[in-house]
Amino acid sequence: MAEKPPKPVVSRAGTISVLTNERGLPTALRIDPRELRRRPQDLADEILAVCQLSATRAQVAFRRGLVEQGCTATTIRGLGLPTDEDLARAEEKVYGGEDEPPPTWLRSV
């Protein structure tokens, strides 16, 4: 079965889009020019939060793959990979309890 390519994580406002590896290092980043008017620290904080969410999603997907391959719970726990509950908390932090916005928010389609 072919693995699906990861989807970028989009900020709450839809103006920042990031794709990272499992460690949270960005491999693709899109910032709407309007974001550049914000305080640099605020923008950096939001980019970091979206990168962390992207990494958590990638790690949870990896964990699920290990489960599907039959790895034991002890082995998976030993890797320290985040759980679905950790992912829910990370999404709550970025989206504030709302569902992920459509990737077309605040951008022309």
Protein backbone atom coordinates (compact mmCIF):
# COMPACT_ATOMS: atom_id res chain seq x y z
CA MET A 1 0.00 0.00 0.00
CA ALA A 2 1.41 3.40 -0.99
CA GLU A 3 1.85 5.87 1.82
CA LYS A 4 -0.13 9.10 1.48
CA PRO A 5 1.99 12.26 1.31
CA PRO A 6 1.63 14.38 4.45
CA LYS A 7 -0.71 17.34 4.35
CA PRO A 8 0.61 20.75 5.37
CA VAL A 9 -0.68 22.12 8.64
CA VAL A 10 -2.48 25.43 8.27
CA SER A 11 -2.69 28.07 10.99
CA ARG A 12 -6.02 29.02 12.51
CA ALA A 13 -6.35 32.04 10.22
CA GLY A 14 -5.15 30.06 7.20
CA THR A 15 -2.30 32.48 6.57
CA ILE A 16 0.57 30.18 7.55
CA SER A 17 1.06 26.74 6.06
CA VAL A 18 3.88 24.42 7.05
CA LEU A 19 5.05 20.90 6.34
CA THR A 20 7.69 19.43 8.62
CA ASN A 21 9.56 16.22 9.20
CA GLU A 22 8.92 14.15 12.33
CA ARG A 23 11.30 16.34 14.32
CA GLY A 24 9.43 19.54 13.52
CA LEU A 25 11.95 20.96 11.07
CA PRO A 26 10.11 22.76 8.27
CA THR A 27 10.46 21.29 4.80
CA ALA A 28 7.90 23.67 3.25
CA LEU A 29 6.62 26.98 4.59
CA ARG A 30 4.12 29.48 3.18
CA ILE A 31 3.45 32.78 4.90
CA ASP A 32 0.82 35.17 3.63
CA PRO A 33 2.43 38.62 3.20
CA ARG A 34 -0.14 40.11 5.61
CA GLU A 35 1.48 38.09 8.40
CA LEU A 36 4.68 40.10 7.98
CA ARG A 37 2.96 43.12 9.56
CA ARG A 38 2.70 41.32 12.91
CA ARG A 39 5.17 41.61 15.76
CA PRO A 40 8.09 39.34 14.87
CA GLN A 41 7.82 37.39 18.15
CA ASP A 42 4.08 36.76 17.65
CA LEU A 43 4.71 35.51 14.12
CA ALA A 44 7.59 33.32 15.28
CA ASP A 45 5.46 31.86 18.09
CA GLU A 46 2.68 30.95 15.67
CA ILE A 47 5.09 29.41 13.14
CA LEU A 48 6.65 27.36 15.94
CA ALA A 49 3.26 26.17 17.19
CA VAL A 50 2.22 25.11 13.68
CA CYS A 51 5.58 23.33 13.17
CA GLN A 52 5.13 21.50 16.47
CA LEU A 53 1.63 20.42 15.47
CA SER A 54 2.91 19.20 12.10
CA ALA A 55 5.63 17.17 13.83
CA THR A 56 3.13 15.71 16.29
CA ARG A 57 0.87 14.65 13.44
CA ALA A 58 3.79 13.00 11.65
CA GLN A 59 4.85 11.17 14.81
CA VAL A 60 1.32 9.97 15.53
CA ALA A 61 1.04 8.71 11.94
CA PHE A 62 4.34 6.86 12.41
CA ARG A 63 3.04 5.38 15.69
CA ARG A 64 -0.14 4.20 13.95
CA GLY A 65 1.96 2.60 11.22
CA LEU A 66 3.97 0.70 13.83
CA VAL A 67 0.75 -0.54 15.41
CA GLU A 68 -0.51 -1.71 12.00
CA GLN A 69 2.78 -3.55 11.45
CA GLY A 70 2.29 -5.41 14.73
CA CYS A 71 4.84 -3.70 16.99
CA THR A 72 4.17 -4.30 20.65
CA ALA A 73 2.84 -1.60 22.94
CA THR A 74 6.01 -1.86 25.04
CA THR A 75 8.21 -1.19 22.01
CA ILE A 76 6.10 1.73 20.87
CA ARG A 77 5.99 3.22 24.40
CA GLY A 78 9.78 2.95 24.54
CA LEU A 79 10.07 5.17 21.48
CA GLY A 80 8.27 7.98 23.28
CA LEU A 81 6.00 8.77 20.35
CA PRO A 82 3.00 11.00 21.03
CA THR A 83 -0.45 9.48 21.37
CA ASP A 84 -3.76 10.48 19.81
CA GLU A 85 -4.50 12.34 23.07
CA ASP A 86 -1.23 14.29 22.72
CA LEU A 87 -2.26 15.19 19.19
CA ALA A 88 -5.68 16.40 20.39
CA ARG A 89 -3.96 18.66 22.94
CA ALA A 90 -1.60 20.04 20.29
CA GLU A 91 -4.52 20.78 17.97
CA GLU A 92 -6.38 22.47 20.84
CA LYS A 93 -3.35 24.70 21.40
CA VAL A 94 -3.21 25.82 17.76
CA TYR A 95 -6.92 25.89 16.91
CA GLY A 96 -8.46 26.67 20.29
CA GLY A 97 -10.99 23.84 20.18
CA GLU A 98 -12.19 24.55 16.66
CA ASP A 99 -11.84 22.16 13.77
CA GLU A 100 -8.98 22.83 11.41
CA PRO A 101 -9.92 25.64 9.03
CA PRO A 102 -10.25 24.89 5.36
CA PRO A 103 -6.92 25.43 3.59
CA THR A 104 -8.53 28.11 1.42
CA TRP A 105 -9.36 30.57 4.22
CA LEU A 106 -8.13 34.11 3.58
CA ARG A 107 -6.51 33.16 0.29
CA SER A 108 -7.67 33.31 -3.26
CA VAL A 109 -8.45 29.91 -4.68
